[in-house]
Amino acid sequence: MLITIHSYTAYITLAALIIAIVNAWSGLLGKRSFKKIDARINLVALIFSHLQLLLGLVMYFTAGYFNTLLETINNQEMGMSHLMKTESLRKMLVEHPLSMIIAIALITIGYSRHKKKSGKAKFKTIGIFFSIGLIIILAAIQWRSWLGM
């Protein structure tokens, strides 16, 4: 059930991030002033990003992924080298969680920094940090399992 929720909220999170990024770049390039609606769009993207990360971390620690990681590392025949050589294990247990944490951290930094800026700098900060976060997210999504391939 948690996996299903995590998958469905991913669509909302991606949509919110894309809307916030398009809004930021269009605000910067269109030379418009930063308004409350812009701040709300960014906040919604931040909230859904954090919700998605929270769901992922809960799933990681409760659905057996973390136990699989520990068992693989502690197994004398397999160990960490086996984990890192096995693409499916490495992506699911190491790359995906770490990449998502980094991406959400960048999104959070961008959101925090934009509050200290004024004018066009707000749009630029959101545009840069949210775009980098989205690129990392898109690179780390396990497309085969997510799209049912």
N, C-alpha and C. Protein backbone atom coordinates (compact mmCIF):
# COMPACT_ATOMS: atom_id res chain seq x y z
N MET A 1 0.83 -1.19 0.00
CA MET A 1 0.00 0.00 0.00
C MET A 1 0.88 1.26 0.00
N LEU A 2 1.91 1.26 0.83
CA LEU A 2 2.80 2.42 0.91
C LEU A 2 3.54 2.64 -0.42
N ILE A 3 3.87 1.55 -1.08
CA ILE A 3 4.53 1.65 -2.38
C ILE A 3 3.60 2.33 -3.38
N THR A 4 2.33 1.99 -3.35
CA THR A 4 1.35 2.59 -4.25
C THR A 4 1.19 4.07 -3.97
N ILE A 5 1.09 4.45 -2.72
CA ILE A 5 0.98 5.86 -2.35
C ILE A 5 2.22 6.62 -2.79
N HIS A 6 3.38 6.02 -2.55
CA HIS A 6 4.64 6.64 -2.94
C HIS A 6 4.69 6.86 -4.46
N SER A 7 4.19 5.91 -5.21
CA SER A 7 4.18 6.03 -6.67
C SER A 7 3.21 7.11 -7.14
N TYR A 8 2.02 7.14 -6.56
CA TYR A 8 1.02 8.14 -6.99
C TYR A 8 1.41 9.56 -6.59
N THR A 9 1.96 9.73 -5.42
CA THR A 9 2.37 11.07 -5.01
C THR A 9 3.58 11.56 -5.82
N ALA A 10 4.30 10.64 -6.42
CA ALA A 10 5.43 11.03 -7.28
C ALA A 10 4.92 11.86 -8.46
N TYR A 11 3.77 11.48 -9.03
CA TYR A 11 3.20 12.26 -10.13
C TYR A 11 2.86 13.68 -9.68
N ILE A 12 2.27 13.81 -8.52
CA ILE A 12 1.90 15.12 -8.00
C ILE A 12 3.16 15.94 -7.72
N THR A 13 4.16 15.30 -7.13
CA THR A 13 5.41 15.98 -6.82
C THR A 13 6.10 16.48 -8.08
N LEU A 14 6.18 15.63 -9.08
CA LEU A 14 6.81 16.04 -10.34
C LEU A 14 6.05 17.18 -10.98
N ALA A 15 4.72 17.10 -10.97
CA ALA A 15 3.91 18.17 -11.55
C ALA A 15 4.12 19.48 -10.79
N ALA A 16 4.13 19.42 -9.46
CA ALA A 16 4.32 20.63 -8.65
C ALA A 16 5.69 21.24 -8.90
N LEU A 17 6.72 20.41 -9.00
CA LEU A 17 8.06 20.92 -9.28
C LEU A 17 8.14 21.54 -10.67
N ILE A 18 7.56 20.91 -11.64
CA ILE A 18 7.59 21.45 -13.01
C ILE A 18 6.86 22.78 -13.07
N ILE A 19 5.71 22.86 -12.41
CA ILE A 19 4.95 24.12 -12.38
C ILE A 19 5.78 25.21 -11.71
N ALA A 20 6.42 24.89 -10.58
CA ALA A 20 7.23 25.88 -9.87
C ALA A 20 8.42 26.33 -10.72
N ILE A 21 9.04 25.40 -11.43
CA ILE A 21 10.19 25.74 -12.26
C ILE A 21 9.77 26.61 -13.44
N VAL A 22 8.70 26.22 -14.13
CA VAL A 22 8.21 27.01 -15.26
C VAL A 22 7.80 28.40 -14.77
N ASN A 23 7.14 28.47 -13.63
CA ASN A 23 6.75 29.75 -13.05
C ASN A 23 7.97 30.62 -12.73
N ALA A 24 9.00 30.01 -12.17
CA ALA A 24 10.21 30.76 -11.81
C ALA A 24 10.92 31.31 -13.05
N TRP A 25 11.13 30.45 -14.03
CA TRP A 25 11.83 30.91 -15.23
C TRP A 25 11.00 31.91 -16.03
N SER A 26 9.68 31.69 -16.10
CA SER A 26 8.84 32.66 -16.82
C SER A 26 8.79 33.99 -16.07
N GLY A 27 8.80 33.95 -14.75
CA GLY A 27 8.84 35.18 -13.96
C GLY A 27 10.13 35.94 -14.17
N LEU A 28 11.24 35.20 -14.22
CA LEU A 28 12.54 35.84 -14.42
C LEU A 28 12.66 36.42 -15.83
N LEU A 29 12.32 35.61 -16.83
CA LEU A 29 12.45 36.05 -18.22
C LEU A 29 11.39 37.08 -18.59
N GLY A 30 10.21 36.98 -17.96
CA GLY A 30 9.13 37.93 -18.23
C GLY A 30 9.26 39.22 -17.43
N LYS A 31 10.26 39.26 -16.58
CA LYS A 31 10.55 40.45 -15.76
C LYS A 31 9.34 40.93 -14.97
N ARG A 32 8.62 39.97 -14.38
CA ARG A 32 7.49 40.37 -13.55
C ARG A 32 7.89 40.35 -12.09
N SER A 33 7.12 41.00 -11.28
CA SER A 33 7.44 41.06 -9.85
C SER A 33 6.97 39.78 -9.16
N PHE A 34 7.67 39.45 -8.09
CA PHE A 34 7.37 38.25 -7.30
C PHE A 34 6.15 38.52 -6.43
N LYS A 35 5.12 37.69 -6.54
CA LYS A 35 3.87 37.89 -5.80
C LYS A 35 3.60 36.73 -4.86
N LYS A 36 2.54 36.86 -4.09
CA LYS A 36 2.16 35.81 -3.14
C LYS A 36 1.88 34.48 -3.83
N ILE A 37 1.26 34.54 -4.99
CA ILE A 37 0.95 33.30 -5.70
C ILE A 37 2.22 32.56 -6.08
N ASP A 38 3.28 33.29 -6.40
CA ASP A 38 4.57 32.66 -6.72
C ASP A 38 5.12 31.94 -5.49
N ALA A 39 5.01 32.61 -4.35
CA ALA A 39 5.49 32.00 -3.10
C ALA A 39 4.69 30.74 -2.77
N ARG A 40 3.40 30.77 -3.03
CA ARG A 40 2.55 29.60 -2.74
C ARG A 40 2.86 28.43 -3.67
N ILE A 41 3.11 28.74 -4.93
CA ILE A 41 3.48 27.68 -5.87
C ILE A 41 4.76 26.99 -5.41
N ASN A 42 5.74 27.80 -5.00
CA ASN A 42 7.00 27.23 -4.51
C ASN A 42 6.80 26.41 -3.25
N LEU A 43 5.95 26.91 -2.36
CA LEU A 43 5.68 26.20 -1.10
C LEU A 43 5.01 24.86 -1.36
N VAL A 44 4.05 24.82 -2.27
CA VAL A 44 3.37 23.56 -2.61
C VAL A 44 4.38 22.54 -3.15
N ALA A 45 5.28 23.00 -4.03
CA ALA A 45 6.31 22.10 -4.58
C ALA A 45 7.22 21.59 -3.46
N LEU A 46 7.58 22.47 -2.55
CA LEU A 46 8.43 22.08 -1.41
C LEU A 46 7.72 21.06 -0.53
N ILE A 47 6.46 21.32 -0.21
CA ILE A 47 5.70 20.41 0.66
C ILE A 47 5.57 19.03 0.03
N PHE A 48 5.21 18.97 -1.25
CA PHE A 48 5.07 17.67 -1.90
C PHE A 48 6.41 16.95 -2.03
N SER A 49 7.48 17.70 -2.23
CA SER A 49 8.81 17.08 -2.28
C SER A 49 9.15 16.44 -0.94
N HIS A 50 8.88 17.17 0.13
CA HIS A 50 9.16 16.63 1.47
C HIS A 50 8.25 15.45 1.80
N LEU A 51 7.01 15.55 1.42
CA LEU A 51 6.07 14.43 1.65
C LEU A 51 6.55 13.19 0.91
N GLN A 52 6.96 13.37 -0.33
CA GLN A 52 7.45 12.24 -1.12
C GLN A 52 8.69 11.62 -0.49
N LEU A 53 9.60 12.46 -0.02
CA LEU A 53 10.80 11.96 0.65
C LEU A 53 10.44 11.22 1.93
N LEU A 54 9.54 11.77 2.70
CA LEU A 54 9.11 11.13 3.94
C LEU A 54 8.48 9.76 3.67
N LEU A 55 7.60 9.69 2.68
CA LEU A 55 7.00 8.40 2.32
C LEU A 55 8.07 7.41 1.88
N GLY A 56 9.02 7.89 1.10
CA GLY A 56 10.11 7.01 0.65
C GLY A 56 10.96 6.50 1.80
N LEU A 57 11.27 7.37 2.74
CA LEU A 57 12.09 6.94 3.88
C LEU A 57 11.32 5.96 4.78
N VAL A 58 10.05 6.22 5.00
CA VAL A 58 9.24 5.29 5.79
C VAL A 58 9.20 3.93 5.09
N MET A 59 9.00 3.95 3.79
CA MET A 59 8.95 2.70 3.04
C MET A 59 10.31 1.99 3.09
N TYR A 60 11.39 2.74 2.96
CA TYR A 60 12.73 2.17 2.97
C TYR A 60 13.01 1.42 4.27
N PHE A 61 12.58 2.00 5.39
CA PHE A 61 12.89 1.41 6.69
C PHE A 61 11.84 0.41 7.17
N THR A 62 10.63 0.43 6.60
CA THR A 62 9.60 -0.50 7.07
C THR A 62 9.29 -1.63 6.09
N ALA A 63 9.61 -1.46 4.83
CA ALA A 63 9.25 -2.47 3.83
C ALA A 63 10.37 -3.47 3.56
N GLY A 64 11.41 -3.44 4.35
CA GLY A 64 12.46 -4.43 4.23
C GLY A 64 13.65 -4.04 3.38
N TYR A 65 13.62 -2.88 2.77
CA TYR A 65 14.77 -2.46 1.96
C TYR A 65 16.02 -2.29 2.80
N PHE A 66 15.88 -1.64 3.93
CA PHE A 66 17.03 -1.42 4.81
C PHE A 66 17.57 -2.74 5.34
N ASN A 67 16.67 -3.67 5.69
CA ASN A 67 17.12 -4.99 6.16
C ASN A 67 17.86 -5.73 5.06
N THR A 68 17.38 -5.62 3.82
CA THR A 68 18.07 -6.23 2.69
C THR A 68 19.47 -5.64 2.53
N LEU A 69 19.57 -4.33 2.69
CA LEU A 69 20.88 -3.67 2.62
C LEU A 69 21.82 -4.22 3.69
N LEU A 70 21.35 -4.29 4.92
CA LEU A 70 22.18 -4.78 6.02
C LEU A 70 22.57 -6.24 5.83
N GLU A 71 21.61 -7.07 5.41
CA GLU A 71 21.89 -8.48 5.20
C GLU A 71 22.93 -8.68 4.10
N THR A 72 22.81 -7.91 3.03
CA THR A 72 23.76 -8.04 1.92
C THR A 72 25.15 -7.61 2.35
N ILE A 73 25.23 -6.51 3.08
CA ILE A 73 26.53 -6.01 3.53
C ILE A 73 27.17 -6.98 4.53
N ASN A 74 26.37 -7.54 5.43
CA ASN A 74 26.90 -8.41 6.48
C ASN A 74 27.17 -9.84 6.01
N ASN A 75 26.66 -10.22 4.87
CA ASN A 75 26.88 -11.56 4.33
C ASN A 75 28.33 -11.65 3.85
N GLN A 76 29.07 -12.60 4.42
CA GLN A 76 30.49 -12.72 4.09
C GLN A 76 30.73 -13.11 2.64
N GLU A 77 29.80 -13.86 2.05
CA GLU A 77 29.97 -14.27 0.66
C GLU A 77 29.66 -13.14 -0.30
N MET A 78 28.72 -12.27 0.10
CA MET A 78 28.31 -11.19 -0.81
C MET A 78 29.03 -9.89 -0.46
N GLY A 79 28.66 -9.30 0.62
CA GLY A 79 29.29 -8.07 1.08
C GLY A 79 28.92 -6.86 0.23
N MET A 80 29.58 -5.77 0.53
CA MET A 80 29.31 -4.51 -0.14
C MET A 80 29.68 -4.56 -1.62
N SER A 81 30.72 -5.30 -1.96
CA SER A 81 31.12 -5.37 -3.38
C SER A 81 30.04 -6.03 -4.21
N HIS A 82 29.39 -7.05 -3.67
CA HIS A 82 28.28 -7.70 -4.37
C HIS A 82 27.14 -6.72 -4.57
N LEU A 83 26.84 -5.97 -3.54
CA LEU A 83 25.76 -4.99 -3.60
C LEU A 83 26.03 -3.96 -4.71
N MET A 84 27.25 -3.46 -4.75
CA MET A 84 27.57 -2.41 -5.72
C MET A 84 27.72 -2.95 -7.14
N LYS A 85 28.00 -4.24 -7.29
CA LYS A 85 28.12 -4.84 -8.61
C LYS A 85 26.77 -5.25 -9.18
N THR A 86 25.78 -5.43 -8.32
CA THR A 86 24.44 -5.84 -8.76
C THR A 86 23.62 -4.59 -9.00
N GLU A 87 23.36 -4.30 -10.27
CA GLU A 87 22.72 -3.03 -10.65
C GLU A 87 21.38 -2.81 -9.97
N SER A 88 20.52 -3.82 -9.94
CA SER A 88 19.19 -3.65 -9.36
C SER A 88 19.28 -3.36 -7.86
N LEU A 89 20.14 -4.08 -7.15
CA LEU A 89 20.31 -3.82 -5.72
C LEU A 89 20.91 -2.44 -5.47
N ARG A 90 21.95 -2.10 -6.22
CA ARG A 90 22.61 -0.81 -6.04
C ARG A 90 21.64 0.34 -6.27
N LYS A 91 20.85 0.26 -7.33
CA LYS A 91 19.91 1.35 -7.62
C LYS A 91 18.84 1.46 -6.54
N MET A 92 18.27 0.34 -6.14
CA MET A 92 17.17 0.37 -5.18
C MET A 92 17.63 0.72 -3.77
N LEU A 93 18.77 0.20 -3.36
CA LEU A 93 19.19 0.34 -1.97
C LEU A 93 20.14 1.49 -1.71
N VAL A 94 20.82 1.98 -2.74
CA VAL A 94 21.83 3.03 -2.52
C VAL A 94 21.55 4.28 -3.36
N GLU A 95 21.55 4.11 -4.69
CA GLU A 95 21.48 5.27 -5.57
C GLU A 95 20.18 6.05 -5.45
N HIS A 96 19.05 5.36 -5.51
CA HIS A 96 17.75 6.03 -5.48
C HIS A 96 17.56 6.82 -4.17
N PRO A 97 17.72 6.19 -3.01
CA PRO A 97 17.51 6.96 -1.77
C PRO A 97 18.49 8.12 -1.61
N LEU A 98 19.76 7.89 -1.90
CA LEU A 98 20.75 8.94 -1.73
C LEU A 98 20.51 10.11 -2.69
N SER A 99 20.18 9.80 -3.93
CA SER A 99 19.91 10.84 -4.92
C SER A 99 18.69 11.66 -4.53
N MET A 100 17.67 11.01 -4.04
CA MET A 100 16.45 11.73 -3.64
C MET A 100 16.70 12.64 -2.44
N ILE A 101 17.49 12.18 -1.51
CA ILE A 101 17.83 13.02 -0.35
C ILE A 101 18.60 14.26 -0.81
N ILE A 102 19.54 14.07 -1.70
CA ILE A 102 20.32 15.20 -2.24
C ILE A 102 19.41 16.16 -2.99
N ALA A 103 18.52 15.63 -3.83
CA ALA A 103 17.62 16.48 -4.62
C ALA A 103 16.70 17.30 -3.71
N ILE A 104 16.12 16.67 -2.70
CA ILE A 104 15.21 17.39 -1.81
C ILE A 104 15.98 18.39 -0.97
N ALA A 105 17.21 18.08 -0.61
CA ALA A 105 18.04 19.04 0.12
C ALA A 105 18.29 20.28 -0.74
N LEU A 106 18.58 20.10 -2.02
CA LEU A 106 18.79 21.23 -2.92
C LEU A 106 17.52 22.07 -3.08
N ILE A 107 16.39 21.40 -3.21
CA ILE A 107 15.11 22.10 -3.32
C ILE A 107 14.85 22.91 -2.05
N THR A 108 15.13 22.34 -0.91
CA THR A 108 14.94 23.02 0.36
C THR A 108 15.88 24.22 0.50
N ILE A 109 17.13 24.05 0.09
CA ILE A 109 18.09 25.15 0.13
C ILE A 109 17.62 26.29 -0.77
N GLY A 110 17.17 25.94 -1.96
CA GLY A 110 16.67 26.96 -2.88
C GLY A 110 15.48 27.71 -2.32
N TYR A 111 14.57 26.98 -1.70
CA TYR A 111 13.40 27.62 -1.10
C TYR A 111 13.82 28.55 0.03
N SER A 112 14.73 28.10 0.86
CA SER A 112 15.19 28.93 1.98
C SER A 112 15.92 30.17 1.50
N ARG A 113 16.76 30.00 0.50
CA ARG A 113 17.53 31.13 -0.01
C ARG A 113 16.65 32.16 -0.72
N HIS A 114 15.61 31.69 -1.40
CA HIS A 114 14.78 32.63 -2.15
C HIS A 114 14.05 33.60 -1.22
N LYS A 115 13.80 33.17 0.00
CA LYS A 115 13.10 34.05 0.96
C LYS A 115 13.95 35.25 1.36
N LYS A 116 15.26 35.11 1.27
CA LYS A 116 16.17 36.19 1.65
C LYS A 116 16.48 37.14 0.50
N LYS A 117 16.03 36.78 -0.69
CA LYS A 117 16.30 37.59 -1.88
C LYS A 117 15.13 38.52 -2.14
N SER A 118 15.31 39.40 -3.11
CA SER A 118 14.21 40.28 -3.50
C SER A 118 14.15 40.36 -5.02
N GLY A 119 12.98 40.69 -5.52
CA GLY A 119 12.78 40.88 -6.95
C GLY A 119 13.06 39.65 -7.78
N LYS A 120 13.79 39.87 -8.87
CA LYS A 120 14.08 38.81 -9.83
C LYS A 120 14.97 37.72 -9.25
N ALA A 121 15.75 38.07 -8.24
CA ALA A 121 16.65 37.10 -7.62
C ALA A 121 15.86 35.95 -7.00
N LYS A 122 14.64 36.21 -6.54
CA LYS A 122 13.79 35.14 -6.00
C LYS A 122 13.50 34.10 -7.07
N PHE A 123 13.08 34.58 -8.25
CA PHE A 123 12.78 33.67 -9.35
C PHE A 123 14.03 32.89 -9.78
N LYS A 124 15.15 33.57 -9.85
CA LYS A 124 16.39 32.94 -10.30
C LYS A 124 16.81 31.83 -9.32
N THR A 125 16.74 32.12 -8.03
CA THR A 125 17.13 31.14 -7.02
C THR A 125 16.25 29.89 -7.09
N ILE A 126 14.95 30.10 -7.14
CA ILE A 126 14.03 28.96 -7.25
C ILE A 126 14.29 28.21 -8.55
N GLY A 127 14.43 28.93 -9.64
CA GLY A 127 14.65 28.30 -10.94
C GLY A 127 15.88 27.42 -10.95
N ILE A 128 16.96 27.90 -10.41
CA ILE A 128 18.22 27.14 -10.42
C ILE A 128 18.14 25.92 -9.50
N PHE A 129 17.79 26.13 -8.24
CA PHE A 129 17.81 25.02 -7.28
C PHE A 129 16.73 23.98 -7.57
N PHE A 130 15.52 24.42 -7.90
CA PHE A 130 14.46 23.46 -8.20
C PHE A 130 14.77 22.69 -9.48
N SER A 131 15.37 23.36 -10.47
CA SER A 131 15.73 22.67 -11.72
C SER A 131 16.79 21.59 -11.49
N ILE A 132 17.81 21.92 -10.72
CA ILE A 132 18.85 20.93 -10.42
C ILE A 132 18.24 19.76 -9.64
N GLY A 133 17.38 20.07 -8.66
CA GLY A 133 16.71 19.02 -7.90
C GLY A 133 15.87 18.12 -8.79
N LEU A 134 15.12 18.72 -9.71
CA LEU A 134 14.28 17.93 -10.62
C LEU A 134 15.13 17.05 -11.53
N ILE A 135 16.23 17.56 -12.02
CA ILE A 135 17.12 16.77 -12.88
C ILE A 135 17.64 15.55 -12.11
N ILE A 136 18.04 15.75 -10.87
CA ILE A 136 18.52 14.63 -10.06
C ILE A 136 17.40 13.62 -9.82
N ILE A 137 16.20 14.12 -9.54
CA ILE A 137 15.05 13.23 -9.32
C ILE A 137 14.77 12.41 -10.57
N LEU A 138 14.73 13.06 -11.72
CA LEU A 138 14.44 12.35 -12.96
C LEU A 138 15.51 11.31 -13.29
N ALA A 139 16.75 11.63 -12.94
CA ALA A 139 17.85 10.68 -13.17
C ALA A 139 17.78 9.49 -12.22
N ALA A 140 17.22 9.69 -11.04
CA ALA A 140 17.22 8.64 -10.02
C ALA A 140 15.94 7.81 -9.99
N ILE A 141 14.92 8.24 -10.70
CA ILE A 141 13.68 7.46 -10.72
C ILE A 141 13.96 6.11 -11.37
N GLN A 142 13.41 5.10 -10.79
CA GLN A 142 13.55 3.75 -11.35
C GLN A 142 12.41 3.55 -12.34
N TRP A 143 12.65 4.00 -13.55
CA TRP A 143 11.60 4.07 -14.56
C TRP A 143 10.99 2.71 -14.87
N ARG A 144 11.77 1.67 -14.90
CA ARG A 144 11.23 0.35 -15.23
C ARG A 144 10.20 -0.12 -14.22
N SER A 145 10.52 0.02 -12.95
CA SER A 145 9.57 -0.43 -11.92
C SER A 145 8.41 0.55 -11.78
N TRP A 146 8.67 1.83 -11.98
CA TRP A 146 7.62 2.83 -11.80
C TRP A 146 6.59 2.75 -12.92
N LEU A 147 7.04 2.51 -14.15
CA LEU A 147 6.13 2.44 -15.28
C LEU A 147 5.66 1.01 -15.57
N GLY A 148 6.08 0.06 -14.72
CA GLY A 148 5.62 -1.32 -14.85
C GLY A 148 6.23 -2.06 -16.02
N MET A 149 7.45 -1.72 -16.37
CA MET A 149 8.11 -2.39 -17.51
C MET A 149 8.76 -3.68 -17.07
